Amino acid sequence: MNNAMKTSTKIILEELIKVFPDQTAFRKSQVMDTGKKFGYTGKDWDPLFTADNRVKIGTYDFANQMEPLRNAVSNIPQETPAGVMKMQSIVNEESNYAKKDPTFVPWGSFNDVVRIIKSEMFYPVYVSGLSGNGKTFMVEQAAAKLGREFIRVQINPETDEDDLLGGFRLINGETVFSKGPVLKAMENGAILLLDEIDRATNKIMCLQGILEGKPVLVKKTGEVVEPASGFNVIATANTKGKGSEDGRFTAATIIDDAFLERFTVAIDQQFPSKAVETKIVSKHMEKFGKTDSEFADKLVTWADIIRKTFYDDGVDEVISTRRLCHIVQTFSIFKDRMKSIDLCIARFDDDTKSAFLDLYSKVDSGVTFEENDEETE
């Protein structure tokens, strides 16, 4: 078979030698997964699944085919002092630090998060709350305040073990294991933020052991990664992991209860008080060079009324702190209160948008709907 071996089949065997240097027998799925990394299909690995190579159901031994190839494989890993063969692995050495944002106003659970991070204990935290109320920003600024390395991973339904722990990458013509952000955070003792974790599927169950603060065995290399002092995991979500019953967050999933149980504490973040939110809006006005204290006060009052109505099931939408900051930015461009609000709430249905605009015109008697059509220059 060796003389007539296809190039693609040979590459599959060489890759198996690199990754599993002390192994010759493989499950069929291992061979297929290896081939898929190179974009190969059944015609490339099927020649290996012969009756002569079969040792039991679903398992094949390629000792005869591998032996002639071993000398040609230049990336044979070196033996460690413990006698364990490990494949070469790499990690992005660049450090990541959050920057202090001058618009940030400490409030809510910020001081608690700072104390948790400052303790350098492994203390997983789950932060939930409605969209746009500053969950991620709070964690980021807590890490920035303490000068701690901060690694943010945006979770989505496709996030899997390869994205989190790492996977094989072709670098300079060689296949190496590239460590993912979770392993990097563990080794560096960084703060790992799993943002919007309730968008994940059961593919994130690979984090179970990590959420217990224990070392993790990298199955693909045999390496054991120990968490360095200071490493911690903080997750943010719009829900508490039980899905979204009201349909507001359709992508939110039900998180496995055993997974949730590994978070030491949970923080339910609400919107800030009127006084705090006025400071936030005012700081954003300063940032965009368009300070208007009266407008800031009117916006916060307007948003507060809408939220109270929302909590009483009077409306289906809410104005978030983030939305207020967007209105401020828009106001710095158009210098028109009503137009700025109109543009920033256009995503709502017509009835809701009209009701919100009407409410604002009552809060701020100095504006009318017609302001949208006036020249501002």
Foldseek 3Di string as FASTA:
>chain_A
DQVPQDPLLLVLLLVCCQQPVPAFKDFPVSSQVSSVVVPDDCVNNVVQPDPVQDPDVRMGGCVVNNPVCPVVNPQQADADPVRDGFHAEEEDPDFAAQAADPLDDDDDCLVVLLVVLVVLDAAEEEEAAAPFQCPVVSNRNSRNVVVFTEAEDEDAAPDACCQAQHQWDQDPNDTHTYGHPNLVLQQRLGEYEHEACQLYDCRVVLCLVVLQQAWDQPVRTRDTRHGDRSRYYYYYHHDLQCDDPVCPCVSGHRDDPSSSVSRNYYHYDYHDDLVRLLSSLQSLLVVLVHGDSVLSSLVSVLQVVQVVCVVVVNDVDGQHSNLSSQLSNQCSVQVFNLLSLLVSCVVDDPVVSVVSSVSSCVSPVVDDNCSNVDHDD
